[in-house]
C-alpha atoms as a PDB file:
ATOM      1  CA  MET A   1     -20.508 140.499   7.731  1.00  0.00           C
ATOM      2  CA  MET A   2     -20.234 137.970   9.951  1.00  0.00           C
ATOM      3  CA  GLN A   3     -19.540 139.764  13.220  1.00  0.00           C
ATOM      4  CA  SER A   4     -23.646 141.422  12.678  1.00  0.00           C
ATOM      5  CA  THR A   5     -24.967 137.928  12.624  1.00  0.00           C
ATOM      6  CA  LEU A   6     -23.223 136.940  15.671  1.00  0.00           C
ATOM      7  CA  ALA A   7     -24.193 140.274  17.449  1.00  0.00           C
ATOM      8  CA  LEU A   8     -28.220 138.678  17.021  1.00  0.00           C
ATOM      9  CA  ALA A   9     -27.148 136.386  19.758  1.00  0.00           C
ATOM     10  CA  VAL A  10     -26.088 138.803  22.452  1.00  0.00           C
ATOM     11  CA  SER A  11     -29.338 140.001  24.711  1.00  0.00           C
ATOM     12  CA  ASP A  12     -31.199 143.346  25.456  1.00  0.00           C
ATOM     13  CA  SER A  13     -28.452 144.363  28.099  1.00  0.00           C
ATOM     14  CA  GLY A  14     -25.475 143.982  25.886  1.00  0.00           C
ATOM     15  CA  ALA A  15     -24.096 140.849  27.647  1.00  0.00           C
ATOM     16  CA  PRO A  16     -23.886 137.901  25.311  1.00  0.00           C
ATOM     17  CA  ALA A  17     -26.904 135.140  25.769  1.00  0.00           C
ATOM     18  CA  SER A  18     -26.314 131.638  26.829  1.00  0.00           C
ATOM     19  CA  SER A  19     -23.343 130.323  26.531  1.00  0.00           C
ATOM     20  CA  GLY A  20     -22.110 129.367  23.388  1.00  0.00           C
ATOM     21  CA  ALA A  21     -25.284 131.153  21.653  1.00  0.00           C
ATOM     22  CA  ALA A  22     -23.145 133.256  19.549  1.00  0.00           C
ATOM     23  CA  LEU A  23     -21.590 131.094  17.605  1.00  0.00           C
ATOM     24  CA  GLN A  24     -24.817 128.819  17.474  1.00  0.00           C
ATOM     25  CA  SER A  25     -26.196 131.264  15.767  1.00  0.00           C
ATOM     26  CA  VAL A  26     -24.349 130.658  13.003  1.00  0.00           C
ATOM     27  CA  PRO A  27     -24.983 127.712  10.459  1.00  0.00           C
ATOM     28  CA  GLY A  28     -22.763 125.099  10.180  1.00  0.00           C
ATOM     29  CA  LEU A  29     -20.369 125.484  13.384  1.00  0.00           C
ATOM     30  CA  ASP A  30     -21.191 122.576  14.914  1.00  0.00           C
ATOM     31  CA  PHE A  31     -18.952 119.439  13.345  1.00  0.00           C
ATOM     32  CA  GLY A  32     -15.819 118.049  13.720  1.00  0.00           C
ATOM     33  CA  LEU A  33     -13.698 118.101  10.811  1.00  0.00           C
ATOM     34  CA  GLY A  34     -11.544 115.403   9.199  1.00  0.00           C
ATOM     35  CA  LEU A  35      -8.672 116.502   7.687  1.00  0.00           C
ATOM     36  CA  PRO A  36      -6.805 113.944   5.447  1.00  0.00           C
ATOM     37  CA  GLY A  37      -2.955 114.682   7.133  1.00  0.00           C
ATOM     38  CA  ALA A  38      -1.845 116.075  10.672  1.00  0.00           C
ATOM     39  CA  TYR A  39       1.004 118.046   8.888  1.00  0.00           C
ATOM     40  CA  ARG A  40       1.480 119.865   5.408  1.00  0.00           C
ATOM     41  CA  GLY A  41       3.497 117.499   3.063  1.00  0.00           C
ATOM     42  CA  SER A  42       1.894 114.093   4.331  1.00  0.00           C
ATOM     43  CA  ALA A  43       0.955 112.307   1.392  1.00  0.00           C
ATOM     44  CA  ALA A  44      -2.595 112.344   2.179  1.00  0.00           C
ATOM     45  CA  LEU A  45      -2.929 115.944   2.155  1.00  0.00           C
ATOM     46  CA  GLU A  46      -0.401 116.097  -0.679  1.00  0.00           C
ATOM     47  CA  THR A  47      -3.091 114.335  -2.760  1.00  0.00           C
ATOM     48  CA  ALA A  48      -6.290 116.464  -1.388  1.00  0.00           C
ATOM     49  CA  GLU A  49      -4.632 119.533  -2.265  1.00  0.00           C
ATOM     50  CA  ALA A  50      -3.053 117.968  -5.752  1.00  0.00           C
ATOM     51  CA  GLU A  51      -7.110 116.729  -6.965  1.00  0.00           C
ATOM     52  CA  GLY A  52      -8.332 120.629  -5.511  1.00  0.00           C
ATOM     53  CA  GLU A  53     -10.690 118.394  -3.317  1.00  0.00           C
ATOM     54  CA  ALA A  54     -12.427 120.210   0.264  1.00  0.00           C
ATOM     55  CA  ILE A  55     -11.154 118.506   3.036  1.00  0.00           C
ATOM     56  CA  PRO A  56     -13.952 116.007   4.668  1.00  0.00           C
ATOM     57  CA  THR A  57     -16.278 116.893   7.528  1.00  0.00           C
ATOM     58  CA  THR A  58     -16.861 114.099  10.250  1.00  0.00           C
ATOM     59  CA  PRO A  59     -18.639 114.738  13.418  1.00  0.00           C
ATOM     60  CA  VAL A  60     -16.599 113.995  16.492  1.00  0.00           C
ATOM     61  CA  PRO A  61     -17.054 112.672  20.005  1.00  0.00           C
ATOM     62  CA  MET A  62     -16.652 114.734  22.865  1.00  0.00           C
ATOM     63  CA  THR A  63     -13.555 113.769  24.936  1.00  0.00           C
ATOM     64  CA  GLY A  64     -11.773 116.042  27.776  1.00  0.00           C
ATOM     65  CA  GLY A  65     -13.683 119.519  28.372  1.00  0.00           C
ATOM     66  CA  THR A  66     -17.264 119.296  28.741  1.00  0.00           C
ATOM     67  CA  ALA A  67     -19.269 120.412  25.822  1.00  0.00           C
ATOM     68  CA  ALA A  68     -19.910 123.878  28.364  1.00  0.00           C
ATOM     69  CA  GLU A  69     -16.344 124.475  28.804  1.00  0.00           C
ATOM     70  CA  ILE A  70     -15.664 124.636  24.804  1.00  0.00           C
ATOM     71  CA  ASP A  71     -19.191 126.833  24.203  1.00  0.00           C
ATOM     72  CA  HIS A  72     -17.854 129.055  26.847  1.00  0.00           C
ATOM     73  CA  ILE A  73     -14.216 128.892  24.953  1.00  0.00           C
ATOM     74  CA  SER A  74     -16.094 129.529  21.783  1.00  0.00           C
ATOM     75  CA  ALA A  75     -18.480 132.389  22.946  1.00  0.00           C
ATOM     76  CA  THR A  76     -15.528 134.386  24.234  1.00  0.00           C
ATOM     77  CA  ALA A  77     -13.649 133.934  21.391  1.00  0.00           C
ATOM     78  CA  ALA A  78     -17.119 135.731  19.411  1.00  0.00           C
ATOM     79  CA  ARG A  79     -16.335 138.517  21.720  1.00  0.00           C
ATOM     80  CA  TYR A  80     -13.586 139.502  19.921  1.00  0.00           C
ATOM     81  CA  LEU A  81     -14.765 139.742  16.426  1.00  0.00           C
ATOM     82  CA  GLY A  82     -13.825 142.657  15.087  1.00  0.00           C
ATOM     83  CA  THR A  83     -10.818 143.157  17.366  1.00  0.00           C
ATOM     84  CA  PRO A  84      -8.350 145.473  14.766  1.00  0.00           C
ATOM     85  CA  TYR A  85      -5.011 143.424  13.872  1.00  0.00           C
ATOM     86  CA  ARG A  86      -1.437 144.574  15.301  1.00  0.00           C
ATOM     87  CA  PHE A  87       1.608 142.283  14.824  1.00  0.00           C
ATOM     88  CA  GLY A  88       2.700 141.880  18.722  1.00  0.00           C
ATOM     89  CA  GLY A  89      -0.844 143.527  20.078  1.00  0.00           C
ATOM     90  CA  GLU A  90      -2.225 142.531  23.212  1.00  0.00           C
ATOM     91  CA  GLY A  91      -5.347 144.677  23.839  1.00  0.00           C
ATOM     92  CA  ALA A  92      -8.574 146.473  22.465  1.00  0.00           C
ATOM     93  CA  ASP A  93      -6.679 148.848  19.892  1.00  0.00           C
ATOM     94  CA  GLY A  94      -5.125 145.514  18.278  1.00  0.00           C
ATOM     95  CA  ILE A  95      -4.601 141.727  18.889  1.00  0.00           C
ATOM     96  CA  ASP A  96      -1.884 139.724  17.078  1.00  0.00           C
ATOM     97  CA  CYS A  97      -3.362 135.856  16.506  1.00  0.00           C
ATOM     98  CA  SER A  98      -1.723 134.375  19.652  1.00  0.00           C
ATOM     99  CA  SER A  99      -2.117 136.985  21.939  1.00  0.00           C
ATOM    100  CA  PHE A 100      -5.989 136.549  21.012  1.00  0.00           C
ATOM    101  CA  VAL A 101      -5.793 132.740  21.621  1.00  0.00           C
ATOM    102  CA  GLN A 102      -4.017 133.394  24.611  1.00  0.00           C
ATOM    103  CA  GLN A 103      -6.612 135.898  26.239  1.00  0.00           C
ATOM    104  CA  VAL A 104      -9.454 133.907  25.157  1.00  0.00           C
ATOM    105  CA  PHE A 105      -7.984 130.636  26.875  1.00  0.00           C
ATOM    106  CA  HIS A 106      -6.960 133.153  30.107  1.00  0.00           C
ATOM    107  CA  ALA A 107     -10.309 134.024  30.323  1.00  0.00           C
ATOM    108  CA  ASN A 108     -11.099 130.433  30.648  1.00  0.00           C
ATOM    109  CA  GLN A 109      -8.919 129.540  33.288  1.00  0.00           C
ATOM    110  CA  ILE A 110      -6.369 128.424  31.092  1.00  0.00           C
ATOM    111  CA  ASP A 111      -2.631 129.237  30.939  1.00  0.00           C
ATOM    112  CA  LEU A 112      -1.327 129.061  26.892  1.00  0.00           C
ATOM    113  CA  PRO A 113       2.490 130.680  25.958  1.00  0.00           C
ATOM    114  CA  ARG A 114       2.534 133.507  23.910  1.00  0.00           C
ATOM    115  CA  THR A 115       3.471 132.352  20.464  1.00  0.00           C
ATOM    116  CA  ALA A 116       2.114 130.388  18.152  1.00  0.00           C
ATOM    117  CA  ARG A 117       5.829 129.003  18.400  1.00  0.00           C
ATOM    118  CA  GLU A 118       5.370 128.121  21.783  1.00  0.00           C
ATOM    119  CA  GLN A 119       1.630 127.635  21.786  1.00  0.00           C
ATOM    120  CA  ILE A 120       1.796 124.431  19.539  1.00  0.00           C
ATOM    121  CA  THR A 121       4.004 122.467  22.507  1.00  0.00           C
ATOM    122  CA  VAL A 122       1.642 122.652  25.147  1.00  0.00           C
ATOM    123  CA  GLY A 123      -1.872 120.273  24.853  1.00  0.00           C
ATOM    124  CA  SER A 124      -2.162 117.177  23.060  1.00  0.00           C
ATOM    125  CA  ASP A 125      -1.354 116.234  19.481  1.00  0.00           C
ATOM    126  CA  VAL A 126      -5.349 115.857  17.774  1.00  0.00           C
ATOM    127  CA  ALA A 127      -4.524 113.185  14.956  1.00  0.00           C
ATOM    128  CA  PRO A 128      -6.353 113.374  11.346  1.00  0.00           C
ATOM    129  CA  GLY A 129     -10.063 113.442  11.238  1.00  0.00           C
ATOM    130  CA  GLU A 130     -10.616 114.410  15.128  1.00  0.00           C
ATOM    131  CA  LEU A 131     -10.147 118.221  15.239  1.00  0.00           C
ATOM    132  CA  ARG A 132     -13.584 119.605  17.508  1.00  0.00           C
ATOM    133  CA  LYS A 133     -14.411 123.104  18.805  1.00  0.00           C
ATOM    134  CA  GLY A 134     -11.658 124.907  20.637  1.00  0.00           C
ATOM    135  CA  ASP A 135      -8.956 123.061  19.633  1.00  0.00           C
ATOM    136  CA  LEU A 136      -5.958 125.594  18.562  1.00  0.00           C
ATOM    137  CA  VAL A 137      -4.582 125.124  14.928  1.00  0.00           C
ATOM    138  CA  PHE A 138      -1.477 126.188  13.697  1.00  0.00           C
ATOM    139  CA  PHE A 139       0.248 127.038  10.250  1.00  0.00           C
ATOM    140  CA  GLN A 140       3.059 127.987   8.773  1.00  0.00           C
ATOM    141  CA  THR A 141       2.415 131.420   7.422  1.00  0.00           C
ATOM    142  CA  TYR A 142       5.557 133.825   7.047  1.00  0.00           C
ATOM    143  CA  ALA A 143       8.155 131.593   8.910  1.00  0.00           C
ATOM    144  CA  GLU A 144       9.507 128.200   8.637  1.00  0.00           C
ATOM    145  CA  TYR A 145       7.839 127.650  12.081  1.00  0.00           C
ATOM    146  CA  PRO A 146       4.154 127.543  13.183  1.00  0.00           C
ATOM    147  CA  SER A 147       3.634 131.764  12.814  1.00  0.00           C
ATOM    148  CA  HIS A 148      -0.382 131.390  13.211  1.00  0.00           C
ATOM    149  CA  VAL A 149      -2.821 129.907  15.074  1.00  0.00           C
ATOM    150  CA  GLY A 150      -6.543 130.249  15.417  1.00  0.00           C
ATOM    151  CA  ILE A 151      -9.610 128.400  17.225  1.00  0.00           C
ATOM    152  CA  TYR A 152     -10.919 125.289  15.665  1.00  0.00           C
ATOM    153  CA  LEU A 153     -15.050 126.245  15.466  1.00  0.00           C
ATOM    154  CA  GLY A 154     -16.339 123.144  13.801  1.00  0.00           C
ATOM    155  CA  ASP A 155     -16.909 122.833  10.048  1.00  0.00           C
ATOM    156  CA  GLY A 156     -13.906 123.824   8.962  1.00  0.00           C
ATOM    157  CA  LYS A 157     -13.904 127.000  10.241  1.00  0.00           C
ATOM    158  CA  MET A 158     -11.910 129.204  12.729  1.00  0.00           C
ATOM    159  CA  ILE A 159     -11.644 132.249  14.329  1.00  0.00           C
ATOM    160  CA  HIS A 160      -8.310 134.334  14.822  1.00  0.00           C
ATOM    161  CA  ALA A 161      -6.645 137.151  14.433  1.00  0.00           C
ATOM    162  CA  SER A 162      -6.012 137.649  10.745  1.00  0.00           C
ATOM    163  CA  SER A 163      -3.045 140.085   9.661  1.00  0.00           C
ATOM    164  CA  GLY A 164      -5.107 139.665   5.812  1.00  0.00           C
ATOM    165  CA  LYS A 165      -8.307 140.782   6.992  1.00  0.00           C
ATOM    166  CA  GLY A 166      -7.205 143.318   9.178  1.00  0.00           C
ATOM    167  CA  GLU A 167      -8.863 141.995  12.288  1.00  0.00           C
ATOM    168  CA  VAL A 168     -10.455 138.800  14.097  1.00  0.00           C
ATOM    169  CA  THR A 169     -12.395 136.877  11.993  1.00  0.00           C
ATOM    170  CA  ILE A 170     -14.033 134.178  11.500  1.00  0.00           C
ATOM    171  CA  SER A 171     -12.106 132.112   7.975  1.00  0.00           C
ATOM    172  CA  ASP A 172     -12.681 128.439   6.437  1.00  0.00           C
ATOM    173  CA  MET A 173      -9.610 126.453   6.979  1.00  0.00           C
ATOM    174  CA  ASN A 174     -10.206 125.019   3.526  1.00  0.00           C
ATOM    175  CA  SER A 175      -9.611 127.977   1.480  1.00  0.00           C
ATOM    176  CA  ASP A 176      -6.533 128.097  -0.989  1.00  0.00           C
ATOM    177  CA  TYR A 177      -4.532 130.048   1.213  1.00  0.00           C
ATOM    178  CA  TYR A 178      -4.868 128.106   4.709  1.00  0.00           C
ATOM    179  CA  ARG A 179      -5.111 124.428   3.226  1.00  0.00           C
ATOM    180  CA  PRO A 180      -1.648 124.324   2.013  1.00  0.00           C
ATOM    181  CA  ARG A 181      -0.317 126.054   5.331  1.00  0.00           C
ATOM    182  CA  TYR A 182      -2.032 123.765   7.929  1.00  0.00           C
ATOM    183  CA  LEU A 183       0.906 121.893  10.090  1.00  0.00           C
ATOM    184  CA  GLY A 184      -1.691 120.496  12.539  1.00  0.00           C
ATOM    185  CA  ALA A 185      -4.060 121.065  15.728  1.00  0.00           C
ATOM    186  CA  LYS A 186      -3.450 120.507  19.920  1.00  0.00           C
ATOM    187  CA  ARG A 187      -5.975 120.182  21.868  1.00  0.00           C
ATOM    188  CA  VAL A 188      -5.920 122.068  25.271  1.00  0.00           C
ATOM    189  CA  ILE A 189      -9.161 121.559  27.173  1.00  0.00           C
END
């Protein structure tokens, strides 16, 4: 469903249109997300979860990487949409979440470690309410440590290799599944 929308931003030659155009064609993917807590278990996040309230959206000014660099990362990530998920996978026949993130950033001359557990140790912490496109977002899913990672797109959305969906997809971080598992974010650009 989302893949066909993003495909509209491909030029007639099959190459991506302008940098970031693929994701710009998806409504609502251009704002920062203000999370009420940096880590699962914080009082603010627990309050939001208990009341079932959505995590508020707050625009965040650009710092660090340029808008063009961040859009290029988003466009690179969009090219992976629909790639099958495979735990431990590193190629077109199947990719896992941390390999997806590593490959997207490597294509943009940023080297990251291989696993989510290692990736959360690089970059700078992103304070609550300051998420912006291109940040790495981490979750505690199947293990006691950071076991899932995605790339933040804005408006509460992330692109990631999802074992549940079986492919690289775009998901809402405010979903009942991801919101309580959110651990924090890192900025590497």
